[in-house]
C-alpha cells in the first residue's frame, strides 16, 4: 500500500516523492488530467488532445 511506502528518496539537494494520481490518463498524451472522461466525443482524451484531433479531422 502507498501509505506504508517511504516518503521518498532524499539526496543532497533534492527530494523526490511519488503519489497516486487523482485523475485519469489521456490515451494520446499520457498526461493525467481531470477532464479525461468528460468529453463526450472523445471520452479517453484530455481537452488539449481533443482539440488537436478536432482540428486534424476538420482538415480531412
Protein backbone atom coordinates (compact mmCIF):
# COMPACT_ATOMS: atom_id res chain seq x y z
CA UNK A 1 0.00 0.00 0.00
CA UNK A 2 1.09 3.56 -0.71
CA UNK A 3 0.67 4.52 2.97
CA UNK A 4 3.40 2.11 4.01
CA UNK A 5 5.87 3.42 1.42
CA UNK A 6 8.76 5.69 2.27
CA UNK A 7 8.23 9.43 1.94
CA UNK A 8 10.67 9.45 -0.94
CA UNK A 9 14.37 9.46 -1.62
CA UNK A 10 16.41 12.30 -0.16
CA UNK A 11 19.56 13.38 -1.94
CA UNK A 12 21.93 16.17 -1.01
CA UNK A 13 19.83 18.97 -2.54
CA UNK A 14 16.87 17.10 -3.97
CA UNK A 15 13.99 15.10 -2.62
CA UNK A 16 11.59 13.00 -4.69
CA UNK A 17 8.17 11.80 -3.61
CA UNK A 18 5.60 9.92 -5.65
CA UNK A 19 1.86 9.69 -5.18
CA UNK A 20 -1.14 8.17 -6.89
CA UNK A 21 -2.75 10.47 -9.47
CA UNK A 22 -6.26 11.68 -8.64
CA UNK A 23 -7.27 11.94 -12.29
CA UNK A 24 -7.41 9.82 -15.45
CA UNK A 25 -4.68 9.26 -18.03
CA UNK A 26 -5.22 10.60 -21.54
CA UNK A 27 -4.79 7.82 -24.10
CA UNK A 28 -2.99 10.14 -26.51
CA UNK A 29 -0.53 12.19 -24.44
CA UNK A 30 -0.47 10.03 -21.29
CA UNK A 31 -0.87 13.07 -19.04
CA UNK A 32 -3.18 12.70 -16.07
CA UNK A 33 -5.96 15.29 -16.30
CA UNK A 34 -9.31 15.68 -14.57
CA UNK A 35 -11.20 16.33 -17.84
CA UNK A 36 -10.39 12.87 -19.25
CA UNK A 37 -13.70 11.01 -19.40
CA UNK A 38 -15.81 14.17 -19.53
CA UNK A 39 -15.62 14.93 -23.26
CA UNK A 40 -18.50 13.05 -24.87
CA UNK A 41 -16.97 12.73 -28.35
CA UNK A 42 -13.50 11.79 -27.02
CA UNK A 43 -14.00 10.15 -23.61
CA UNK A 44 -10.42 8.89 -23.37
CA UNK A 45 -8.72 12.21 -24.26
CA UNK A 46 -7.86 15.40 -22.40
CA UNK A 47 -9.08 18.80 -23.65
CA UNK A 48 -5.80 19.61 -25.39
CA UNK A 49 -5.69 16.33 -27.31
CA UNK A 50 -9.39 16.52 -28.18
CA UNK A 51 -8.81 19.97 -29.68
CA UNK A 52 -5.91 18.65 -31.77
CA UNK A 53 -7.96 15.71 -33.04
CA UNK A 54 -10.87 18.04 -33.87
CA UNK A 55 -8.51 20.25 -35.88
CA UNK A 56 -7.00 17.30 -37.76
CA UNK A 57 -10.42 15.83 -38.51
CA UNK A 58 -11.69 19.18 -39.79
CA UNK A 59 -8.83 19.32 -42.32
CA UNK A 60 -9.60 15.94 -43.89
